[in-house]
Amino acid sequence: MACFPFMADICGKTCLLVGGGMVALRKAQTLAAYGARVVACAEKFVQELLPLCARVAEAYSPALLEGADFAVADGAFNARVAKDCRARRIPVNCVDDAANCDFFFPAQILRGGVSVGISTGGASPALAKILREYLERVLPENLAELAENAEK
């Protein structure tokens, strides 16, 4: 499936992150780089995740979706979280579960105000990663500076 590359300003937006492991940590790091406010819930959290969260809860509850602009789920609750989000018209990403995704996380390059996203529509994250690594090598290192100068 070809996905439209919808770019959105998520600075200050609230994301409910369902999961507390290494995948959740990577998602939270990505979201934090764009200024999102992360509310996370999980039975256990990797310690590095906690400083990235505005709030944490020990268990998933649909009530946690109150005030959420979008959600990311990683694990056994994917189908339930997707159903709850869709009932509230909240976009959801369920990691490694394309059928329960309204959006995908692209493989990303972020240099200053320049953001490049590569997606395979969930078909092959490995291919998206290879393409990202290639583009990282060929894009100029001073891309952020070039963008700043172009803006002027």
Protein backbone atom coordinates (compact mmCIF):
# COMPACT_ATOMS: atom_id res chain seq x y z
CA MET A 1 0.00 0.00 0.00
CA ALA A 2 1.33 3.41 -0.91
CA CYS A 3 0.88 5.89 1.92
CA PHE A 4 0.51 9.63 1.49
CA PRO A 5 3.45 11.33 3.26
CA PHE A 6 1.36 13.47 5.60
CA MET A 7 3.65 15.75 7.62
CA ALA A 8 2.15 17.19 10.80
CA ASP A 9 3.32 19.53 13.53
CA ILE A 10 3.04 17.46 16.72
CA CYS A 11 4.78 19.94 19.01
CA GLY A 12 2.66 20.16 22.14
CA LYS A 13 0.30 17.39 20.98
CA THR A 14 -0.42 14.55 23.40
CA CYS A 15 0.37 10.96 22.48
CA LEU A 16 -0.81 7.99 24.50
CA LEU A 17 1.98 5.42 24.31
CA VAL A 18 0.85 1.93 25.30
CA GLY A 19 3.99 -0.03 26.12
CA GLY A 20 7.08 0.43 28.21
CA GLY A 21 9.85 -1.55 26.50
CA MET A 22 12.61 -0.74 24.04
CA VAL A 23 10.24 -0.22 21.10
CA ALA A 24 8.20 2.23 23.18
CA LEU A 25 11.43 3.98 24.15
CA ARG A 26 12.39 4.45 20.47
CA LYS A 27 8.92 5.79 19.66
CA ALA A 28 9.06 8.19 22.64
CA GLN A 29 12.51 9.42 21.59
CA THR A 30 11.21 10.13 18.09
CA LEU A 31 8.12 11.89 19.42
CA ALA A 32 10.18 13.94 21.90
CA ALA A 33 12.44 15.13 19.07
CA TYR A 34 9.34 16.71 17.52
CA GLY A 35 8.04 18.19 20.79
CA ALA A 36 5.17 15.80 21.49
CA ARG A 37 3.89 15.28 25.04
CA VAL A 38 4.00 11.55 25.86
CA VAL A 39 1.66 9.85 28.30
CA ALA A 40 2.69 6.21 28.71
CA CYS A 41 1.13 3.15 30.27
CA ALA A 42 2.65 -0.25 30.89
CA GLU A 43 3.13 -2.79 33.64
CA LYS A 44 6.91 -2.29 33.38
CA PHE A 45 9.01 0.53 31.95
CA VAL A 46 12.62 0.65 30.80
CA GLN A 47 14.16 3.37 32.94
CA GLU A 48 15.26 5.50 29.98
CA LEU A 49 11.62 5.95 28.96
CA LEU A 50 10.42 7.60 32.16
CA PRO A 51 12.13 11.01 31.72
CA LEU A 52 10.51 11.31 28.27
CA CYS A 53 6.99 10.97 29.70
CA ALA A 54 4.79 13.74 31.05
CA ARG A 55 2.76 11.12 32.89
CA VAL A 56 2.77 7.34 33.36
CA ALA A 57 0.14 4.78 34.34
CA GLU A 58 0.52 1.12 35.27
CA ALA A 59 -2.27 -0.24 33.09
CA TYR A 60 -4.06 0.62 29.88
CA SER A 61 -7.53 2.08 30.24
CA PRO A 62 -9.63 3.78 27.54
CA ALA A 63 -9.89 6.73 29.96
CA LEU A 64 -6.22 7.45 29.20
CA LEU A 65 -7.29 8.45 25.69
CA GLU A 66 -9.04 11.52 27.12
CA GLY A 67 -7.15 14.49 25.69
CA ALA A 68 -4.92 12.36 23.44
CA ASP A 69 -4.32 13.67 19.93
CA PHE A 70 -2.97 10.32 18.72
CA ALA A 71 -1.84 6.99 20.13
CA VAL A 72 0.90 4.42 19.66
CA ALA A 73 0.52 0.86 20.92
CA ASP A 74 3.12 -1.88 21.11
CA GLY A 75 2.00 -5.28 22.26
CA ALA A 76 -0.88 -7.44 23.31
CA PHE A 77 -3.35 -4.55 23.52
CA ASN A 78 -3.00 -3.43 19.89
CA ALA A 79 -6.47 -4.47 18.70
CA ARG A 80 -8.18 -3.10 21.80
CA VAL A 81 -6.31 0.21 21.66
CA ALA A 82 -7.06 0.55 17.93
CA LYS A 83 -10.77 -0.11 18.52
CA ASP A 84 -10.91 2.39 21.40
CA CYS A 85 -9.06 5.04 19.38
CA ARG A 86 -11.19 4.63 16.29
CA ALA A 87 -14.37 4.93 18.37
CA ARG A 88 -13.02 8.32 19.51
CA ARG A 89 -11.60 9.33 16.10
CA ILE A 90 -8.06 9.33 17.47
CA PRO A 91 -5.40 8.26 14.95
CA VAL A 92 -3.48 5.19 16.12
CA ASN A 93 -0.29 3.37 15.23
CA CYS A 94 0.02 -0.24 16.38
CA VAL A 95 3.63 -1.32 16.05
CA ASP A 96 4.12 -4.29 13.68
CA ASP A 97 0.35 -4.52 13.16
CA ALA A 98 -0.47 -2.71 9.89
CA ALA A 99 -4.15 -3.71 9.99
CA ASN A 100 -4.56 -1.72 13.21
CA CYS A 101 -2.67 1.37 12.01
CA ASP A 102 -4.12 4.66 10.85
CA PHE A 103 -0.60 6.00 10.31
CA PHE A 104 2.95 4.66 10.17
CA PHE A 105 6.21 5.91 11.59
CA PRO A 106 8.52 6.46 8.63
CA ALA A 107 12.23 5.78 8.73
CA GLN A 108 13.38 9.32 9.49
CA ILE A 109 16.19 11.75 9.02
CA LEU A 110 15.95 14.94 11.09
CA ARG A 111 18.47 17.72 10.56
CA GLY A 112 17.32 20.99 12.05
CA GLY A 113 14.07 21.94 10.36
CA VAL A 114 14.51 19.38 7.59
CA SER A 115 12.62 16.16 8.12
CA VAL A 116 12.80 13.30 5.61
CA GLY A 117 10.49 10.32 6.00
CA ILE A 118 10.61 7.03 4.12
CA SER A 119 7.73 4.58 4.19
CA THR A 120 6.97 1.24 2.60
CA GLY A 121 3.40 1.34 3.89
CA GLY A 122 4.29 -1.11 6.61
CA ALA A 123 5.42 -3.76 4.10
CA SER A 124 9.14 -3.68 4.88
CA PRO A 125 10.56 -1.54 7.68
CA ALA A 126 13.95 -3.12 6.88
CA LEU A 127 13.88 -1.68 3.34
CA ALA A 128 12.86 1.74 4.68
CA LYS A 129 15.83 1.60 7.08
CA ILE A 130 18.24 0.73 4.25
CA LEU A 131 16.94 3.65 2.19
CA ARG A 132 17.24 5.98 5.20
CA GLU A 133 20.84 4.92 5.79
CA TYR A 134 21.66 5.54 2.12
CA LEU A 135 20.07 9.01 2.18
CA GLU A 136 21.88 9.89 5.41
CA ARG A 137 25.17 9.25 3.60
CA VAL A 138 24.33 11.30 0.48
CA LEU A 139 22.50 14.27 2.02
CA PRO A 140 24.79 17.18 2.91
CA GLU A 141 25.85 17.30 6.56
CA ASN A 142 24.98 20.99 6.69
CA LEU A 143 21.39 20.43 5.52
CA ALA A 144 19.94 22.29 8.52
CA GLU A 145 22.13 25.31 7.77
CA LEU A 146 21.14 25.22 4.08
CA ALA A 147 17.47 25.23 5.05
CA GLU A 148 17.97 28.16 7.43
CA ASN A 149 19.73 30.14 4.70
CA ALA A 150 17.03 29.27 2.16
CA GLU A 151 14.37 30.53 4.58
CA LYS A 152 16.12 33.91 4.78
